[in-house]
Amino acid sequence: MSDKPTVLFVCVHNAGRSQMAAGFLRELGGGDIDVLSAGSAPKDQINPVAIDAMAEEGIDIANNTPKILTVDAVKESDVVITMGCGDVCPIFPGKRYEDWVLDDPAGQGIEAVRPIRDEIRRRVQELVDELLPARGAA
């Protein structure tokens, strides 16, 4: 891993879970972690309920664009976190892989998306603490 780790979040549509995770990591990582997100079958736009849920936390993901998962994105990442995308993510030696089992916010109302958002935040904070241990000790 380089001095500045790179994390890739992957879900099917890159419109909800992975976008929320990326938003939290950009915020909680404070610029000390490079953040990527992608989907195996990206949608045309970010889920509006995910946008609203993140806005409640003061994080704006409204202008993000879903992106297709590429081999290059995986290659340049130190940590690859999948969220319900099955086996579509290429595996490369030396990468850290995690699969976060989370409900899909697609088609859900804000009341159902908030707990998903909150669980993503908790997991992202744990990831930041692991990737930037010196910051936690400061």
Protein backbone atom coordinates (compact mmCIF):
# COMPACT_ATOMS: atom_id res chain seq x y z
CA MET A 1 0.00 0.00 0.00
CA SER A 2 1.31 3.46 -0.87
CA ASP A 3 1.48 6.38 1.56
CA LYS A 4 -2.02 7.35 0.50
CA PRO A 5 -4.25 4.28 0.22
CA THR A 6 -6.90 3.96 -2.49
CA VAL A 7 -10.28 2.40 -1.72
CA LEU A 8 -12.75 1.23 -4.37
CA PHE A 9 -16.42 0.71 -3.47
CA VAL A 10 -18.36 -1.52 -5.87
CA CYS A 11 -22.08 -2.26 -6.05
CA VAL A 12 -24.32 -3.25 -8.94
CA HIS A 13 -25.71 0.13 -9.98
CA ASN A 14 -23.16 2.52 -8.39
CA ALA A 15 -26.15 4.65 -7.49
CA GLY A 16 -26.72 4.02 -3.79
CA ARG A 17 -24.56 2.02 -1.39
CA SER A 18 -21.20 2.56 -3.10
CA GLN A 19 -21.91 6.26 -3.62
CA MET A 20 -22.87 6.72 0.04
CA ALA A 21 -19.75 4.85 1.15
CA ALA A 22 -17.55 6.95 -1.13
CA GLY A 23 -19.16 10.14 0.19
CA PHE A 24 -18.51 9.12 3.78
CA LEU A 25 -14.92 8.08 3.06
CA ARG A 26 -14.14 11.39 1.36
CA GLU A 27 -15.52 13.18 4.41
CA LEU A 28 -14.11 10.96 7.17
CA GLY A 29 -10.79 10.33 5.42
CA GLY A 30 -10.07 14.03 5.23
CA GLY A 31 -8.23 13.74 1.93
CA ASP A 32 -5.79 11.14 3.27
CA ILE A 33 -7.43 8.31 1.30
CA ASP A 34 -8.15 8.25 -2.44
CA VAL A 35 -11.72 7.17 -3.09
CA LEU A 36 -13.19 5.40 -6.13
CA SER A 37 -16.60 3.88 -6.74
CA ALA A 38 -18.04 1.87 -9.59
CA GLY A 39 -20.79 -0.54 -10.54
CA SER A 40 -21.08 -3.73 -12.55
CA ALA A 41 -24.23 -2.35 -14.25
CA PRO A 42 -24.32 1.39 -13.46
CA LYS A 43 -27.55 3.37 -13.56
CA ASP A 44 -27.94 6.72 -15.32
CA GLN A 45 -28.08 8.71 -12.08
CA ILE A 46 -27.61 8.52 -8.32
CA ASN A 47 -30.60 7.26 -6.32
CA PRO A 48 -32.45 10.43 -5.21
CA VAL A 49 -33.27 8.91 -1.80
CA ALA A 50 -29.55 8.16 -1.25
CA ILE A 51 -28.83 11.80 -2.14
CA ASP A 52 -31.40 12.97 0.42
CA ALA A 53 -30.13 10.59 3.11
CA MET A 54 -26.55 11.80 2.65
CA ALA A 55 -27.68 15.46 2.60
CA GLU A 56 -29.11 14.88 6.07
CA GLU A 57 -25.51 14.11 7.11
CA GLY A 58 -24.17 17.24 5.38
CA ILE A 59 -22.59 15.27 2.51
CA ASP A 60 -23.47 16.17 -1.07
CA ILE A 61 -23.37 13.29 -3.56
CA ALA A 62 -25.94 14.85 -5.94
CA ASN A 63 -23.41 15.66 -8.67
CA ASN A 64 -21.75 12.25 -8.68
CA THR A 65 -22.13 10.06 -11.74
CA PRO A 66 -22.39 6.25 -11.68
CA LYS A 67 -19.35 4.65 -13.33
CA ILE A 68 -18.71 1.24 -14.86
CA LEU A 69 -16.35 -1.07 -12.99
CA THR A 70 -13.02 -1.40 -14.81
CA VAL A 71 -10.03 -3.65 -14.32
CA ASP A 72 -7.87 -0.51 -14.02
CA ALA A 73 -9.94 0.77 -11.07
CA VAL A 74 -9.34 -2.52 -9.25
CA LYS A 75 -5.63 -2.54 -10.15
CA GLU A 76 -5.05 0.95 -8.74
CA SER A 77 -6.90 0.20 -5.49
CA ASP A 78 -5.40 -1.10 -2.27
CA VAL A 79 -8.79 -2.03 -0.79
CA VAL A 80 -11.80 -3.21 -2.80
CA ILE A 81 -15.14 -3.29 -1.00
CA THR A 82 -18.03 -4.98 -2.76
CA MET A 83 -21.67 -4.55 -1.81
CA GLY A 84 -23.90 -7.16 -3.37
CA CYS A 85 -22.28 -7.35 -6.79
CA GLY A 86 -21.45 -11.04 -6.68
CA ASP A 87 -18.43 -12.35 -8.56
CA VAL A 88 -18.11 -9.59 -11.16
CA CYS A 89 -15.15 -7.93 -9.45
CA PRO A 90 -11.76 -9.05 -10.81
CA ILE A 91 -9.41 -10.46 -8.18
CA PHE A 92 -5.75 -9.43 -8.12
CA PRO A 93 -3.10 -10.68 -5.69
CA GLY A 94 -2.02 -8.26 -3.01
CA LYS A 95 -5.35 -6.46 -2.78
CA ARG A 96 -7.52 -6.41 0.29
CA TYR A 97 -11.09 -7.47 -0.48
CA GLU A 98 -14.15 -7.14 1.71
CA ASP A 99 -17.79 -7.86 0.96
CA TRP A 100 -20.19 -5.69 2.93
CA VAL A 101 -23.63 -7.29 3.09
CA LEU A 102 -26.04 -4.36 3.08
CA ASP A 103 -29.64 -3.94 2.00
CA ASP A 104 -30.08 -2.27 -1.38
CA PRO A 105 -31.61 1.21 -1.06
CA ALA A 106 -33.07 1.02 -4.60
CA GLY A 107 -36.82 1.54 -4.49
CA GLN A 108 -36.80 2.23 -0.74
CA GLY A 109 -38.11 5.28 1.07
CA ILE A 110 -35.98 7.52 3.28
CA GLU A 111 -37.03 5.68 6.47
CA ALA A 112 -35.58 2.43 5.07
CA VAL A 113 -32.45 4.09 3.64
CA ARG A 114 -31.38 5.86 6.85
CA PRO A 115 -30.37 2.63 8.66
CA ILE A 116 -28.44 1.50 5.56
CA ARG A 117 -26.69 4.88 5.47
CA ASP A 118 -25.88 4.69 9.18
CA GLU A 119 -24.41 1.18 8.85
CA ILE A 120 -22.29 2.33 5.91
CA ARG A 121 -21.00 5.24 7.98
CA ARG A 122 -20.08 2.89 10.85
CA ARG A 123 -18.17 0.57 8.52
CA VAL A 124 -16.42 3.43 6.74
CA GLN A 125 -15.31 4.86 10.09
CA GLU A 126 -13.84 1.46 11.02
CA LEU A 127 -12.05 1.37 7.66
CA VAL A 128 -10.60 4.85 8.22
CA ASP A 129 -9.40 3.81 11.68
CA GLU A 130 -7.67 0.76 10.16
CA LEU A 131 -6.12 2.59 7.19
CA LEU A 132 -5.04 5.67 9.13
CA PRO A 133 -4.12 4.31 12.58
CA ALA A 134 -1.75 7.19 13.36
CA ARG A 135 -4.60 9.65 13.05
CA GLY A 136 -6.65 7.80 15.68
CA ALA A 137 -3.71 7.91 18.09
CA ALA A 138 -3.18 11.66 17.61
